[in-house]
Amino acid sequence: MELAWPVVGLGLLAFGFGAFSVIASALIGPKKYNKAKLDAYECGIEATPQPMGGGKYPIRYYLTAMMFIIFDIEIMFLYPWAVNYGPLGVFGLGAIGLFLLIVTLAFFYDWRRGGLEWD
């Protein structure tokens, strides 16, 4: 039971921050309301008419999003390795080297295909 107190404290801190943010935004935030802002699921911008099937996004939008996710996951794997670098030894260095090689090859492949160019 001794280990539960830090988790409870962190939960209370997170809840307090969330409650404070909601209350502060209601008190401090701008009070300009219009018809679109009062509608459900609206951001406050008047809606514009769209085609029947919805607007089409270019494929580069999805490729850029996927590339962001790949590099975000790369950082997620690099952080624990950097924290425990000492105990992992040569095996850990080889494993992370292979991981970085694969991610770097994917980056160069995307770069050569023009995935980083904006029109």
Protein backbone atom coordinates (compact mmCIF):
# COMPACT_ATOMS: atom_id res chain seq x y z
CA MET A 1 0.00 0.00 0.00
CA GLU A 2 3.00 2.22 0.45
CA LEU A 3 3.60 2.52 -3.30
CA ALA A 4 0.02 3.65 -4.04
CA TRP A 5 0.39 7.14 -2.54
CA PRO A 6 2.48 8.59 -5.38
CA VAL A 7 -0.05 7.27 -7.90
CA VAL A 8 -2.95 8.72 -5.89
CA GLY A 9 -1.09 12.03 -5.61
CA LEU A 10 -0.45 12.15 -9.33
CA GLY A 11 -4.11 11.36 -10.02
CA LEU A 12 -5.24 14.15 -7.70
CA LEU A 13 -2.77 16.54 -9.31
CA ALA A 14 -4.05 15.64 -12.81
CA PHE A 15 -7.68 16.01 -11.73
CA GLY A 16 -6.91 19.36 -10.06
CA PHE A 17 -5.16 20.66 -13.16
CA GLY A 18 -8.08 19.61 -15.37
CA ALA A 19 -10.66 21.18 -13.05
CA PHE A 20 -8.61 24.38 -12.75
CA SER A 21 -8.25 24.62 -16.56
CA VAL A 22 -11.98 24.23 -17.17
CA ILE A 23 -12.94 26.76 -14.49
CA ALA A 24 -10.27 29.27 -15.50
CA SER A 25 -11.22 29.12 -19.18
CA ALA A 26 -14.87 29.75 -18.29
CA LEU A 27 -13.97 32.76 -16.15
CA ILE A 28 -11.15 34.30 -18.21
CA GLY A 29 -12.07 33.29 -21.78
CA PRO A 30 -13.82 35.53 -24.33
CA LYS A 31 -17.59 35.68 -24.19
CA LYS A 32 -18.43 36.21 -27.88
CA TYR A 33 -21.21 33.84 -28.88
CA ASN A 34 -22.81 33.34 -32.29
CA LYS A 35 -25.18 30.79 -33.80
CA ALA A 36 -22.39 28.44 -34.93
CA LYS A 37 -20.70 28.45 -31.54
CA LEU A 38 -23.90 27.49 -29.76
CA ASP A 39 -24.51 24.52 -32.11
CA ALA A 40 -23.30 21.08 -31.06
CA TYR A 41 -19.78 20.03 -32.17
CA GLU A 42 -18.89 23.36 -33.73
CA CYS A 43 -15.71 25.34 -33.30
CA GLY A 44 -17.34 28.71 -33.85
CA ILE A 45 -16.60 29.11 -37.55
CA GLU A 46 -19.57 29.34 -39.87
CA ALA A 47 -19.86 26.16 -41.92
CA THR A 48 -19.21 26.33 -45.65
CA PRO A 49 -21.04 24.14 -48.16
CA GLN A 50 -19.16 20.99 -49.14
CA PRO A 51 -19.58 18.57 -52.02
CA MET A 52 -21.75 15.47 -51.55
CA GLY A 53 -18.89 13.07 -50.80
CA GLY A 54 -17.09 15.55 -48.56
CA GLY A 55 -13.84 17.26 -49.44
CA LYS A 56 -10.96 15.15 -50.70
CA TYR A 57 -7.60 15.47 -49.04
CA PRO A 58 -4.41 15.03 -51.04
CA ILE A 59 -2.50 11.82 -50.37
CA ARG A 60 0.49 13.85 -49.16
CA TYR A 61 -1.55 14.85 -46.12
CA TYR A 62 -1.79 11.20 -45.05
CA LEU A 63 1.84 10.45 -45.90
CA THR A 64 2.99 13.37 -43.77
CA ALA A 65 0.77 12.20 -40.91
CA MET A 66 2.15 8.66 -41.13
CA MET A 67 5.71 9.96 -41.18
CA PHE A 68 5.00 12.00 -38.05
CA ILE A 69 3.63 8.90 -36.32
CA ILE A 70 6.67 6.84 -37.32
CA PHE A 71 9.11 9.37 -35.88
CA ASP A 72 6.95 9.85 -32.81
CA ILE A 73 7.11 6.10 -32.15
CA GLU A 74 10.86 6.21 -32.75
CA ILE A 75 11.25 8.73 -29.93
CA MET A 76 9.01 6.61 -27.73
CA PHE A 77 11.42 3.68 -28.17
CA LEU A 78 14.59 5.77 -27.85
CA TYR A 79 13.69 7.34 -24.51
CA PRO A 80 13.64 4.12 -22.40
CA TRP A 81 16.82 2.95 -24.10
CA ALA A 82 18.56 6.22 -23.19
CA VAL A 83 17.42 5.91 -19.57
CA ASN A 84 18.70 2.30 -19.21
CA TYR A 85 21.72 2.53 -21.48
CA GLY A 86 24.25 1.20 -18.93
CA PRO A 87 22.67 -2.17 -17.99
CA LEU A 88 21.85 -3.05 -21.62
CA GLY A 89 25.48 -3.12 -22.67
CA VAL A 90 26.57 -4.11 -26.16
CA PHE A 91 23.34 -5.98 -26.89
CA GLY A 92 21.29 -2.84 -26.24
CA LEU A 93 23.62 -0.77 -28.41
CA GLY A 94 23.33 -3.26 -31.27
CA ALA A 95 19.54 -3.48 -30.96
CA ILE A 96 19.06 0.29 -30.98
CA GLY A 97 21.58 0.63 -33.81
CA LEU A 98 19.57 -1.82 -35.92
CA PHE A 99 16.35 0.00 -35.03
CA LEU A 100 17.81 3.38 -36.01
CA LEU A 101 19.16 1.91 -39.26
CA ILE A 102 15.70 0.64 -40.25
CA VAL A 103 14.04 3.97 -39.39
CA THR A 104 16.76 5.90 -41.24
CA LEU A 105 16.29 3.73 -44.33
CA ALA A 106 12.55 4.43 -44.22
CA PHE A 107 13.26 8.16 -43.90
CA PHE A 108 15.59 8.15 -46.92
CA TYR A 109 13.08 6.11 -48.93
CA ASP A 110 10.38 8.67 -48.20
CA TRP A 111 12.76 11.52 -48.97
CA ARG A 112 13.77 10.03 -52.35
CA ARG A 113 10.11 9.48 -53.26
CA GLY A 114 9.38 13.20 -52.63
CA GLY A 115 7.42 12.79 -49.42
CA LEU A 116 9.11 15.81 -47.82
CA GLU A 117 8.41 18.24 -50.67
CA TRP A 118 5.52 20.69 -50.41
CA ASP A 119 3.79 21.97 -53.52
